[in-house]
Amino acid sequence: MTAQGRFITFEGIDGSGKSTQARLLADHLRAEGHEVVLTREPGGSPGAEDIRKLVLEGERDRWSAETELLLFTAARRDHLERLIAPSVANGKVVICDRFADSTRMYQGLGRADLRGAVDQLHKLMIGREPDLTILIDMDSETGLERALSRGDGEERFESFGGDMQRRMRDGFLALASEFSDRFVVIDGGREIDDVAADVQRAVKGRL
């Protein structure tokens, strides 16, 4: 049923519920007859999943912000080549849990002032923005509490604490203003089904 492929991303602070909403949207669109690819970053391809382990696990000072930027970009390039671009070209709806906006935040703002380098590297090696980005906005303290309660071993970024989480929330909201043509901000501090209904309404007009 999908005449033209679409690339939709979910962004937000850790613990905002974006991964749950990405999955619920994928289920909803499949039920409507769309071909859907649900993926994530870092990850989504075998090589990118290997890099995911390197950047999300271990001690907080394992990598410098500059090295992280290179690792995330390498993972994203592989993901784009092997999954995202071919799937969109084949008319599928690709839903991705995080993409370049997370790098603009976590490496470009959160850990160091590298936004210029992030944008230059993105333009050179990635060169693609989503058709639609859904920002699940959430109180930073609540999000951090949720994220730390998961206990999945991928808590390296959460270990930077509440101050970074607050800066990330403010930064994501600023990005939503900067790229207002593709961002939709949805209040994630409500019941899951209410959030999902707003996500579906936001996506309906783009498909």
N, C-alpha and C. Protein backbone atom coordinates (compact mmCIF):
# COMPACT_ATOMS: atom_id res chain seq x y z
N MET A 1 0.81 -1.21 0.00
CA MET A 1 0.00 0.00 0.00
C MET A 1 0.85 1.26 0.00
N THR A 2 2.11 1.16 0.37
CA THR A 2 2.96 2.33 0.45
C THR A 2 3.53 2.65 -0.93
N ALA A 3 3.00 3.71 -1.57
CA ALA A 3 3.46 4.07 -2.90
C ALA A 3 4.88 4.60 -2.87
N GLN A 4 5.22 5.31 -1.81
CA GLN A 4 6.54 5.89 -1.68
C GLN A 4 7.06 5.61 -0.28
N GLY A 5 8.32 5.22 -0.19
CA GLY A 5 8.89 4.93 1.11
C GLY A 5 9.01 6.18 1.97
N ARG A 6 9.03 5.99 3.26
CA ARG A 6 9.18 7.09 4.21
C ARG A 6 10.18 6.69 5.28
N PHE A 7 10.86 7.70 5.81
CA PHE A 7 11.84 7.49 6.86
C PHE A 7 11.42 8.32 8.08
N ILE A 8 11.02 7.63 9.14
CA ILE A 8 10.51 8.27 10.36
C ILE A 8 11.43 7.94 11.52
N THR A 9 11.82 8.95 12.27
CA THR A 9 12.68 8.70 13.43
C THR A 9 11.99 9.14 14.71
N PHE A 10 12.39 8.50 15.80
CA PHE A 10 11.95 8.88 17.14
C PHE A 10 13.16 9.36 17.92
N GLU A 11 13.00 10.48 18.60
CA GLU A 11 14.05 11.04 19.42
C GLU A 11 13.51 11.37 20.81
N GLY A 12 14.43 11.58 21.74
CA GLY A 12 14.04 11.96 23.09
C GLY A 12 15.12 11.56 24.07
N ILE A 13 15.00 12.06 25.29
CA ILE A 13 15.97 11.71 26.32
C ILE A 13 15.82 10.25 26.70
N ASP A 14 16.81 9.71 27.38
CA ASP A 14 16.74 8.34 27.85
C ASP A 14 15.56 8.18 28.79
N GLY A 15 14.78 7.11 28.59
CA GLY A 15 13.64 6.84 29.44
C GLY A 15 12.37 7.55 29.04
N SER A 16 12.36 8.21 27.90
CA SER A 16 11.19 8.98 27.49
C SER A 16 10.05 8.12 26.95
N GLY A 17 10.35 6.87 26.63
CA GLY A 17 9.33 5.99 26.07
C GLY A 17 9.32 5.94 24.56
N LYS A 18 10.33 6.53 23.91
CA LYS A 18 10.34 6.58 22.46
C LYS A 18 10.44 5.20 21.82
N SER A 19 11.19 4.28 22.44
CA SER A 19 11.32 2.94 21.87
C SER A 19 9.97 2.22 21.87
N THR A 20 9.22 2.37 22.94
CA THR A 20 7.88 1.78 23.01
C THR A 20 6.98 2.39 21.94
N GLN A 21 7.04 3.70 21.78
CA GLN A 21 6.18 4.35 20.80
C GLN A 21 6.58 3.99 19.37
N ALA A 22 7.86 3.81 19.12
CA ALA A 22 8.30 3.37 17.80
C ALA A 22 7.72 2.00 17.47
N ARG A 23 7.77 1.11 18.45
CA ARG A 23 7.22 -0.24 18.25
C ARG A 23 5.72 -0.19 18.03
N LEU A 24 5.00 0.61 18.82
CA LEU A 24 3.55 0.70 18.67
C LEU A 24 3.17 1.29 17.32
N LEU A 25 3.92 2.27 16.85
CA LEU A 25 3.64 2.83 15.53
C LEU A 25 3.87 1.80 14.44
N ALA A 26 4.93 1.03 14.56
CA ALA A 26 5.20 -0.02 13.57
C ALA A 26 4.05 -1.01 13.52
N ASP A 27 3.56 -1.43 14.68
CA ASP A 27 2.43 -2.36 14.74
C ASP A 27 1.20 -1.76 14.08
N HIS A 28 0.95 -0.48 14.37
CA HIS A 28 -0.23 0.21 13.82
C HIS A 28 -0.16 0.30 12.30
N LEU A 29 0.99 0.68 11.77
CA LEU A 29 1.11 0.83 10.32
C LEU A 29 1.06 -0.51 9.60
N ARG A 30 1.63 -1.54 10.21
CA ARG A 30 1.52 -2.87 9.60
C ARG A 30 0.06 -3.31 9.54
N ALA A 31 -0.70 -3.02 10.58
CA ALA A 31 -2.11 -3.40 10.60
C ALA A 31 -2.89 -2.66 9.51
N GLU A 32 -2.39 -1.50 9.10
CA GLU A 32 -3.04 -0.74 8.03
C GLU A 32 -2.55 -1.16 6.65
N GLY A 33 -1.62 -2.10 6.58
CA GLY A 33 -1.18 -2.63 5.31
C GLY A 33 0.14 -2.12 4.78
N HIS A 34 0.82 -1.30 5.56
CA HIS A 34 2.12 -0.80 5.13
C HIS A 34 3.22 -1.82 5.40
N GLU A 35 4.21 -1.81 4.53
CA GLU A 35 5.43 -2.57 4.80
C GLU A 35 6.33 -1.72 5.69
N VAL A 36 6.68 -2.24 6.84
CA VAL A 36 7.38 -1.45 7.85
C VAL A 36 8.68 -2.14 8.25
N VAL A 37 9.74 -1.35 8.37
CA VAL A 37 11.00 -1.81 8.92
C VAL A 37 11.23 -1.04 10.22
N LEU A 38 11.31 -1.74 11.33
CA LEU A 38 11.57 -1.13 12.63
C LEU A 38 13.03 -1.38 12.98
N THR A 39 13.76 -0.31 13.23
CA THR A 39 15.19 -0.44 13.48
C THR A 39 15.62 0.53 14.57
N ARG A 40 16.92 0.59 14.86
CA ARG A 40 17.39 1.43 15.96
C ARG A 40 18.82 1.89 15.70
N GLU A 41 19.20 2.93 16.43
CA GLU A 41 20.60 3.37 16.42
C GLU A 41 21.08 3.62 17.84
N PRO A 42 22.37 3.38 18.09
CA PRO A 42 23.27 2.72 17.15
C PRO A 42 22.84 1.27 16.96
N GLY A 43 23.03 0.78 15.76
CA GLY A 43 22.63 -0.59 15.45
C GLY A 43 21.87 -0.64 14.14
N GLY A 44 21.11 -1.71 13.95
CA GLY A 44 20.28 -1.85 12.78
C GLY A 44 20.88 -2.65 11.65
N SER A 45 22.18 -2.83 11.67
CA SER A 45 22.88 -3.69 10.72
C SER A 45 23.93 -4.45 11.52
N PRO A 46 24.41 -5.59 11.02
CA PRO A 46 25.37 -6.37 11.82
C PRO A 46 26.59 -5.57 12.27
N GLY A 47 27.18 -4.80 11.37
CA GLY A 47 28.35 -4.02 11.76
C GLY A 47 28.00 -2.94 12.77
N ALA A 48 26.86 -2.29 12.58
CA ALA A 48 26.44 -1.23 13.50
C ALA A 48 26.10 -1.80 14.88
N GLU A 49 25.57 -3.01 14.93
CA GLU A 49 25.27 -3.63 16.22
C GLU A 49 26.57 -3.93 16.99
N ASP A 50 27.61 -4.28 16.27
CA ASP A 50 28.91 -4.48 16.93
C ASP A 50 29.40 -3.18 17.55
N ILE A 51 29.23 -2.08 16.82
CA ILE A 51 29.66 -0.78 17.35
C ILE A 51 28.79 -0.37 18.53
N ARG A 52 27.51 -0.75 18.52
CA ARG A 52 26.60 -0.43 19.63
C ARG A 52 27.17 -0.90 20.96
N LYS A 53 27.70 -2.09 20.97
CA LYS A 53 28.26 -2.63 22.21
C LYS A 53 29.44 -1.78 22.70
N LEU A 54 30.20 -1.27 21.75
CA LEU A 54 31.37 -0.47 22.11
C LEU A 54 30.99 0.85 22.76
N VAL A 55 29.91 1.48 22.27
CA VAL A 55 29.60 2.83 22.73
C VAL A 55 28.61 2.89 23.89
N LEU A 56 27.80 1.84 24.06
CA LEU A 56 26.78 1.89 25.10
C LEU A 56 27.13 1.13 26.37
N GLU A 57 28.19 0.35 26.33
CA GLU A 57 28.57 -0.43 27.50
C GLU A 57 29.94 0.03 28.00
N GLY A 58 30.23 -0.25 29.25
CA GLY A 58 31.54 0.08 29.80
C GLY A 58 31.54 1.36 30.61
N GLU A 59 32.72 1.77 31.01
CA GLU A 59 32.88 2.95 31.85
C GLU A 59 32.56 4.23 31.09
N ARG A 60 32.14 5.26 31.82
CA ARG A 60 31.72 6.51 31.19
C ARG A 60 32.87 7.20 30.46
N ASP A 61 34.12 7.00 30.91
CA ASP A 61 35.25 7.64 30.25
C ASP A 61 35.96 6.72 29.26
N ARG A 62 35.23 5.70 28.81
CA ARG A 62 35.83 4.74 27.88
C ARG A 62 36.26 5.40 26.59
N TRP A 63 35.46 6.36 26.10
CA TRP A 63 35.76 7.06 24.85
C TRP A 63 35.68 8.55 25.07
N SER A 64 36.46 9.30 24.33
CA SER A 64 36.27 10.75 24.28
C SER A 64 35.05 11.04 23.41
N ALA A 65 34.52 12.27 23.52
CA ALA A 65 33.38 12.66 22.70
C ALA A 65 33.73 12.60 21.22
N GLU A 66 34.96 12.97 20.89
CA GLU A 66 35.39 12.95 19.49
C GLU A 66 35.41 11.53 18.93
N THR A 67 35.93 10.59 19.73
CA THR A 67 35.96 9.20 19.28
C THR A 67 34.55 8.64 19.15
N GLU A 68 33.68 8.98 20.11
CA GLU A 68 32.28 8.56 20.03
C GLU A 68 31.64 9.03 18.73
N LEU A 69 31.90 10.28 18.38
CA LEU A 69 31.33 10.84 17.15
C LEU A 69 31.72 10.00 15.94
N LEU A 70 32.97 9.61 15.86
CA LEU A 70 33.42 8.79 14.74
C LEU A 70 32.78 7.41 14.76
N LEU A 71 32.66 6.82 15.93
CA LEU A 71 32.05 5.50 16.04
C LEU A 71 30.58 5.53 15.65
N PHE A 72 29.85 6.51 16.17
CA PHE A 72 28.43 6.62 15.82
C PHE A 72 28.24 6.87 14.33
N THR A 73 29.10 7.69 13.74
CA THR A 73 28.97 7.97 12.31
C THR A 73 29.27 6.74 11.48
N ALA A 74 30.26 5.96 11.89
CA ALA A 74 30.56 4.71 11.18
C ALA A 74 29.38 3.75 11.24
N ALA A 75 28.79 3.64 12.43
CA ALA A 75 27.62 2.76 12.58
C ALA A 75 26.46 3.26 11.72
N ARG A 76 26.25 4.56 11.72
CA ARG A 76 25.12 5.13 10.95
C ARG A 76 25.33 4.94 9.44
N ARG A 77 26.54 5.11 8.98
CA ARG A 77 26.80 4.93 7.55
C ARG A 77 26.49 3.50 7.12
N ASP A 78 26.91 2.52 7.90
CA ASP A 78 26.65 1.12 7.58
C ASP A 78 25.15 0.84 7.62
N HIS A 79 24.48 1.38 8.63
CA HIS A 79 23.03 1.22 8.77
C HIS A 79 22.30 1.81 7.57
N LEU A 80 22.72 3.01 7.16
CA LEU A 80 22.09 3.68 6.03
C LEU A 80 22.27 2.89 4.74
N GLU A 81 23.50 2.43 4.51
CA GLU A 81 23.79 1.70 3.27
C GLU A 81 23.06 0.37 3.19
N ARG A 82 23.04 -0.34 4.28
CA ARG A 82 22.58 -1.73 4.25
C ARG A 82 21.09 -1.91 4.54
N LEU A 83 20.47 -0.94 5.24
CA LEU A 83 19.07 -1.14 5.61
C LEU A 83 18.18 0.05 5.25
N ILE A 84 18.50 1.24 5.73
CA ILE A 84 17.57 2.36 5.61
C ILE A 84 17.33 2.74 4.16
N ALA A 85 18.39 3.08 3.42
CA ALA A 85 18.22 3.55 2.05
C ALA A 85 17.57 2.51 1.14
N PRO A 86 18.01 1.24 1.17
CA PRO A 86 17.36 0.25 0.31
C PRO A 86 15.88 0.04 0.66
N SER A 87 15.55 0.07 1.94
CA SER A 87 14.16 -0.15 2.35
C SER A 87 13.26 0.98 1.89
N VAL A 88 13.70 2.23 2.07
CA VAL A 88 12.89 3.37 1.61
C VAL A 88 12.75 3.33 0.09
N ALA A 89 13.83 2.99 -0.61
CA ALA A 89 13.78 2.91 -2.07
C ALA A 89 12.80 1.86 -2.55
N ASN A 90 12.57 0.84 -1.73
CA ASN A 90 11.62 -0.22 -2.08
C ASN A 90 10.21 0.05 -1.58
N GLY A 91 9.96 1.29 -1.15
CA GLY A 91 8.61 1.69 -0.78
C GLY A 91 8.20 1.37 0.63
N LYS A 92 9.13 1.03 1.48
CA LYS A 92 8.80 0.67 2.86
C LYS A 92 8.86 1.88 3.77
N VAL A 93 8.15 1.79 4.89
CA VAL A 93 8.23 2.81 5.93
C VAL A 93 9.28 2.35 6.94
N VAL A 94 10.36 3.10 7.04
CA VAL A 94 11.42 2.78 7.98
C VAL A 94 11.21 3.63 9.24
N ILE A 95 11.07 2.97 10.37
CA ILE A 95 10.92 3.64 11.66
C ILE A 95 12.18 3.36 12.47
N CYS A 96 12.89 4.41 12.83
CA CYS A 96 14.18 4.25 13.50
C CYS A 96 14.17 4.91 14.87
N ASP A 97 14.54 4.16 15.87
CA ASP A 97 14.70 4.64 17.24
C ASP A 97 16.07 5.30 17.35
N ARG A 98 16.10 6.63 17.23
CA ARG A 98 17.26 7.51 17.21
C ARG A 98 17.91 7.52 15.81
N PHE A 99 18.46 8.71 15.51
CA PHE A 99 19.24 8.88 14.29
C PHE A 99 20.21 10.04 14.54
N ALA A 100 20.48 10.85 13.55
CA ALA A 100 21.53 11.87 13.66
C ALA A 100 21.25 12.92 14.71
N ASP A 101 19.98 13.19 15.00
CA ASP A 101 19.67 14.20 16.02
C ASP A 101 20.21 13.81 17.39
N SER A 102 20.27 12.52 17.67
CA SER A 102 20.84 12.09 18.94
C SER A 102 22.33 12.39 19.00
N THR A 103 23.03 12.24 17.88
CA THR A 103 24.44 12.58 17.85
C THR A 103 24.63 14.09 17.99
N ARG A 104 23.75 14.87 17.37
CA ARG A 104 23.81 16.32 17.54
C ARG A 104 23.69 16.70 19.01
N MET A 105 22.93 15.91 19.76
CA MET A 105 22.73 16.20 21.17
C MET A 105 23.85 15.62 22.05
N TYR A 106 24.04 14.33 21.99
CA TYR A 106 24.92 13.68 22.96
C TYR A 106 26.39 13.99 22.73
N GLN A 107 26.82 14.04 21.48
CA GLN A 107 28.21 14.39 21.21
C GLN A 107 28.36 15.87 20.85
N GLY A 108 27.35 16.45 20.23
CA GLY A 108 27.44 17.84 19.80
C GLY A 108 27.17 18.84 20.89
N LEU A 109 26.46 18.42 21.95
CA LEU A 109 26.10 19.34 23.03
C LEU A 109 26.39 18.77 24.41
N GLY A 110 26.03 17.51 24.61
CA GLY A 110 26.07 16.95 25.95
C GLY A 110 27.45 16.74 26.52
N ARG A 111 28.35 16.15 25.75
CA ARG A 111 29.66 15.81 26.25
C ARG A 111 30.73 16.82 25.86
N ALA A 112 30.53 17.51 24.77
CA ALA A 112 31.50 18.50 24.29
C ALA A 112 30.80 19.42 23.30
N ASP A 113 31.44 20.52 22.99
CA ASP A 113 30.87 21.47 22.05
C ASP A 113 31.33 21.10 20.64
N LEU A 114 30.71 20.05 20.11
CA LEU A 114 31.14 19.51 18.82
C LEU A 114 30.06 19.62 17.75
N ARG A 115 29.08 20.48 17.94
CA ARG A 115 27.97 20.53 17.00
C ARG A 115 28.45 20.81 15.57
N GLY A 116 29.41 21.72 15.40
CA GLY A 116 29.91 22.00 14.07
C GLY A 116 30.53 20.79 13.42
N ALA A 117 31.31 20.04 14.19
CA ALA A 117 31.94 18.83 13.65
C ALA A 117 30.89 17.77 13.34
N VAL A 118 29.88 17.65 14.20
CA VAL A 118 28.80 16.69 13.96
C VAL A 118 28.12 16.99 12.63
N ASP A 119 27.78 18.25 12.41
CA ASP A 119 27.06 18.62 11.18
C ASP A 119 27.93 18.43 9.94
N GLN A 120 29.22 18.76 10.05
CA GLN A 120 30.11 18.58 8.90
C GLN A 120 30.25 17.10 8.55
N LEU A 121 30.43 16.27 9.56
CA LEU A 121 30.59 14.84 9.31
C LEU A 121 29.30 14.23 8.78
N HIS A 122 28.18 14.71 9.30
CA HIS A 122 26.88 14.22 8.83
C HIS A 122 26.70 14.56 7.35
N LYS A 123 27.01 15.80 6.98
CA LYS A 123 26.87 16.21 5.58
C LYS A 123 27.77 15.39 4.67
N LEU A 124 28.98 15.11 5.13
CA LEU A 124 29.95 14.40 4.31
C LEU A 124 29.63 12.92 4.17
N MET A 125 29.24 12.26 5.26
CA MET A 125 29.14 10.80 5.28
C MET A 125 27.71 10.26 5.28
N ILE A 126 26.73 11.07 5.69
CA ILE A 126 25.36 10.58 5.78
C ILE A 126 24.47 11.28 4.75
N GLY A 127 24.37 12.58 4.85
CA GLY A 127 23.68 13.37 3.82
C GLY A 127 22.20 13.14 3.71
N ARG A 128 21.59 12.66 4.77
CA ARG A 128 20.15 12.41 4.72
C ARG A 128 19.51 12.75 6.06
N GLU A 129 18.34 13.40 5.99
CA GLU A 129 17.54 13.67 7.17
C GLU A 129 16.25 12.86 7.08
N PRO A 130 15.61 12.60 8.19
CA PRO A 130 14.33 11.88 8.15
C PRO A 130 13.24 12.71 7.47
N ASP A 131 12.21 12.02 7.00
CA ASP A 131 11.03 12.72 6.48
C ASP A 131 10.21 13.29 7.64
N LEU A 132 10.24 12.63 8.77
CA LEU A 132 9.50 13.05 9.95
C LEU A 132 10.26 12.59 11.19
N THR A 133 10.40 13.49 12.16
CA THR A 133 11.03 13.15 13.43
C THR A 133 10.03 13.43 14.54
N ILE A 134 9.76 12.41 15.33
CA ILE A 134 8.83 12.53 16.46
C ILE A 134 9.65 12.61 17.74
N LEU A 135 9.55 13.74 18.41
CA LEU A 135 10.24 13.94 19.68
C LEU A 135 9.28 13.64 20.82
N ILE A 136 9.58 12.60 21.58
CA ILE A 136 8.80 12.28 22.76
C ILE A 136 9.41 13.05 23.93
N ASP A 137 8.73 14.10 24.34
CA ASP A 137 9.26 14.98 25.39
C ASP A 137 8.83 14.48 26.76
N MET A 138 9.77 14.56 27.71
CA MET A 138 9.50 14.03 29.04
C MET A 138 10.33 14.77 30.06
N ASP A 139 9.79 14.92 31.26
CA ASP A 139 10.55 15.48 32.38
C ASP A 139 11.85 14.72 32.55
N SER A 140 12.96 15.44 32.68
CA SER A 140 14.28 14.80 32.65
C SER A 140 14.51 13.88 33.85
N GLU A 141 14.04 14.27 35.03
CA GLU A 141 14.25 13.42 36.21
C GLU A 141 13.48 12.11 36.10
N THR A 142 12.23 12.20 35.62
CA THR A 142 11.42 10.99 35.44
C THR A 142 12.05 10.07 34.39
N GLY A 143 12.53 10.67 33.31
CA GLY A 143 13.15 9.87 32.27
C GLY A 143 14.39 9.15 32.75
N LEU A 144 15.22 9.83 33.53
CA LEU A 144 16.43 9.20 34.03
C LEU A 144 16.10 8.07 34.98
N GLU A 145 15.11 8.26 35.82
CA GLU A 145 14.70 7.20 36.74
C GLU A 145 14.22 5.97 35.97
N ARG A 146 13.45 6.19 34.94
CA ARG A 146 12.98 5.08 34.11
C ARG A 146 14.15 4.36 33.44
N ALA A 147 15.06 5.15 32.87
CA ALA A 147 16.18 4.56 32.14
C ALA A 147 17.06 3.71 33.04
N LEU A 148 17.35 4.21 34.23
CA LEU A 148 18.22 3.46 35.14
C LEU A 148 17.55 2.20 35.67
N SER A 149 16.22 2.18 35.68
CA SER A 149 15.50 1.01 36.20
C SER A 149 15.47 -0.14 35.22
N ARG A 150 15.87 0.09 33.97
CA ARG A 150 15.81 -0.99 32.96
C ARG A 150 16.81 -2.10 33.27
N GLY A 151 18.00 -1.74 33.71
CA GLY A 151 18.99 -2.74 34.06
C GLY A 151 19.41 -3.61 32.90
N ASP A 152 19.55 -3.02 31.70
CA ASP A 152 19.89 -3.82 30.52
C ASP A 152 21.37 -3.80 30.19
N GLY A 153 22.17 -3.15 31.03
CA GLY A 153 23.61 -3.11 30.81
C GLY A 153 24.06 -2.03 29.86
N GLU A 154 23.10 -1.32 29.23
CA GLU A 154 23.45 -0.26 28.28
C GLU A 154 23.21 1.11 28.94
N GLU A 155 23.89 1.34 30.04
CA GLU A 155 23.60 2.51 30.85
C GLU A 155 24.77 3.49 30.90
N ARG A 156 25.68 3.41 29.94
CA ARG A 156 26.85 4.27 29.98
C ARG A 156 26.46 5.74 29.93
N PHE A 157 25.53 6.11 29.07
CA PHE A 157 25.16 7.52 28.95
C PHE A 157 24.31 7.97 30.14
N GLU A 158 23.48 7.09 30.67
CA GLU A 158 22.70 7.44 31.85
C GLU A 158 23.60 7.76 33.04
N SER A 159 24.81 7.15 33.05
CA SER A 159 25.72 7.35 34.17
C SER A 159 26.26 8.78 34.24
N PHE A 160 26.04 9.57 33.18
CA PHE A 160 26.49 10.96 33.22
C PHE A 160 25.58 11.82 34.10
N GLY A 161 24.42 11.29 34.48
CA GLY A 161 23.61 11.93 35.50
C GLY A 161 22.56 12.91 35.04
N GLY A 162 21.88 13.51 36.06
CA GLY A 162 20.73 14.35 35.80
C GLY A 162 21.02 15.64 35.08
N ASP A 163 22.19 16.23 35.32
CA ASP A 163 22.51 17.50 34.66
C ASP A 163 22.58 17.32 33.15
N MET A 164 23.21 16.25 32.71
CA MET A 164 23.27 16.00 31.27
C MET A 164 21.88 15.69 30.72
N GLN A 165 21.08 14.96 31.49
CA GLN A 165 19.72 14.65 31.04
C GLN A 165 18.90 15.94 30.85
N ARG A 166 19.05 16.90 31.75
CA ARG A 166 18.34 18.17 31.61
C ARG A 166 18.82 18.94 30.39
N ARG A 167 20.12 18.95 30.15
CA ARG A 167 20.64 19.65 28.98
C ARG A 167 20.18 18.98 27.70
N MET A 168 20.06 17.64 27.73
CA MET A 168 19.59 16.93 26.55
C MET A 168 18.14 17.27 26.23
N ARG A 169 17.32 17.35 27.28
CA ARG A 169 15.92 17.70 27.02
C ARG A 169 15.82 19.09 26.40
N ASP A 170 16.51 20.06 26.99
CA ASP A 170 16.48 21.42 26.44
C ASP A 170 17.03 21.43 25.01
N GLY A 171 18.07 20.64 24.78
CA GLY A 171 18.67 20.60 23.46
C GLY A 171 17.75 20.00 22.41
N PHE A 172 17.04 18.93 22.77
CA PHE A 172 16.11 18.33 21.82
C PHE A 172 14.98 19.30 21.47
N LEU A 173 14.49 20.03 22.46
CA LEU A 173 13.43 21.00 22.18
C LEU A 173 13.95 22.12 21.28
N ALA A 174 15.21 22.51 21.47
CA ALA A 174 15.80 23.52 20.59
C ALA A 174 15.95 22.98 19.16
N LEU A 175 16.32 21.70 19.03
CA LEU A 175 16.41 21.09 17.70
C LEU A 175 15.04 21.06 17.02
N ALA A 176 14.00 20.79 17.80
CA ALA A 176 12.65 20.76 17.23
C ALA A 176 12.28 22.11 16.65
N SER A 177 12.75 23.18 17.26
CA SER A 177 12.51 24.53 16.71
C SER A 177 13.39 24.79 15.49
N GLU A 178 14.63 24.31 15.55
CA GLU A 178 15.55 24.53 14.44
C GLU A 178 15.10 23.82 13.18
N PHE A 179 14.60 22.59 13.35
CA PHE A 179 14.14 21.78 12.20
C PHE A 179 12.63 21.59 12.29
N SER A 180 11.90 22.69 12.41
CA SER A 180 10.45 22.62 12.66
C SER A 180 9.68 22.00 11.50
N ASP A 181 10.28 21.97 10.30
CA ASP A 181 9.59 21.40 9.15
C ASP A 181 9.43 19.89 9.26
N ARG A 182 10.30 19.22 10.03
CA ARG A 182 10.20 17.76 10.12
C ARG A 182 9.96 17.25 11.54
N PHE A 183 10.01 18.11 12.54
CA PHE A 183 9.82 17.68 13.93
C PHE A 183 8.36 17.84 14.37
N VAL A 184 7.89 16.86 15.14
CA VAL A 184 6.64 16.97 15.87
C VAL A 184 6.95 16.62 17.33
N VAL A 185 6.58 17.49 18.25
CA VAL A 185 6.85 17.27 19.67
C VAL A 185 5.58 16.74 20.34
N ILE A 186 5.72 15.62 21.04
CA ILE A 186 4.58 14.97 21.69
C ILE A 186 4.91 14.77 23.16
N ASP A 187 3.97 15.11 24.02
CA ASP A 187 4.14 14.98 25.47
C ASP A 187 4.14 13.50 25.85
N GLY A 188 5.30 13.02 26.33
CA GLY A 188 5.43 11.62 26.70
C GLY A 188 5.08 11.32 28.14
N GLY A 189 4.72 12.33 28.92
CA GLY A 189 4.41 12.11 30.33
C GLY A 189 2.97 11.75 30.58
N ARG A 190 2.37 10.97 29.70
CA ARG A 190 0.97 10.56 29.82
C ARG A 190 0.86 9.05 29.64
N GLU A 191 -0.37 8.55 29.65
CA GLU A 191 -0.58 7.13 29.42
C GLU A 191 -0.06 6.74 28.04
N ILE A 192 0.48 5.53 27.95
CA ILE A 192 1.10 5.07 26.70
C ILE A 192 0.13 5.16 25.52
N ASP A 193 -1.12 4.76 25.73
CA ASP A 193 -2.09 4.75 24.63
C ASP A 193 -2.40 6.17 24.16
N ASP A 194 -2.43 7.13 25.07
CA ASP A 194 -2.69 8.52 24.69
C ASP A 194 -1.54 9.08 23.84
N VAL A 195 -0.31 8.75 24.25
CA VAL A 195 0.85 9.17 23.48
C VAL A 195 0.81 8.53 22.09
N ALA A 196 0.50 7.25 22.05
CA ALA A 196 0.46 6.52 20.78
C ALA A 196 -0.58 7.10 19.83
N ALA A 197 -1.71 7.52 20.35
CA ALA A 197 -2.76 8.10 19.51
C ALA A 197 -2.27 9.40 18.87
N ASP A 198 -1.54 10.21 19.63
CA ASP A 198 -0.99 11.45 19.08
C ASP A 198 0.08 11.16 18.03
N VAL A 199 0.87 10.13 18.26
CA VAL A 199 1.89 9.74 17.28
C VAL A 199 1.23 9.33 15.97
N GLN A 200 0.18 8.53 16.07
CA GLN A 200 -0.52 8.07 14.86
C GLN A 200 -1.10 9.24 14.08
N ARG A 201 -1.64 10.21 14.79
CA ARG A 201 -2.21 11.39 14.11
C ARG A 201 -1.11 12.18 13.41
N ALA A 202 0.04 12.28 14.06
CA ALA A 202 1.16 13.04 13.46
C ALA A 202 1.67 12.38 12.20
N VAL A 203 1.67 11.05 12.19
CA VAL A 203 2.21 10.31 11.06
C VAL A 203 1.21 10.22 9.91
N LYS A 204 -0.06 10.19 10.22
CA LYS A 204 -1.09 9.97 9.20
C LYS A 204 -0.97 10.97 8.05
N GLY A 205 -0.76 12.23 8.37
CA GLY A 205 -0.68 13.24 7.32
C GLY A 205 0.55 13.11 6.43
N ARG A 206 1.59 12.44 6.92
CA ARG A 206 2.83 12.29 6.13
C ARG A 206 2.80 11.07 5.22
N LEU A 207 1.83 10.18 5.41
CA LEU A 207 1.76 8.97 4.60
C LEU A 207 0.68 9.05 3.53
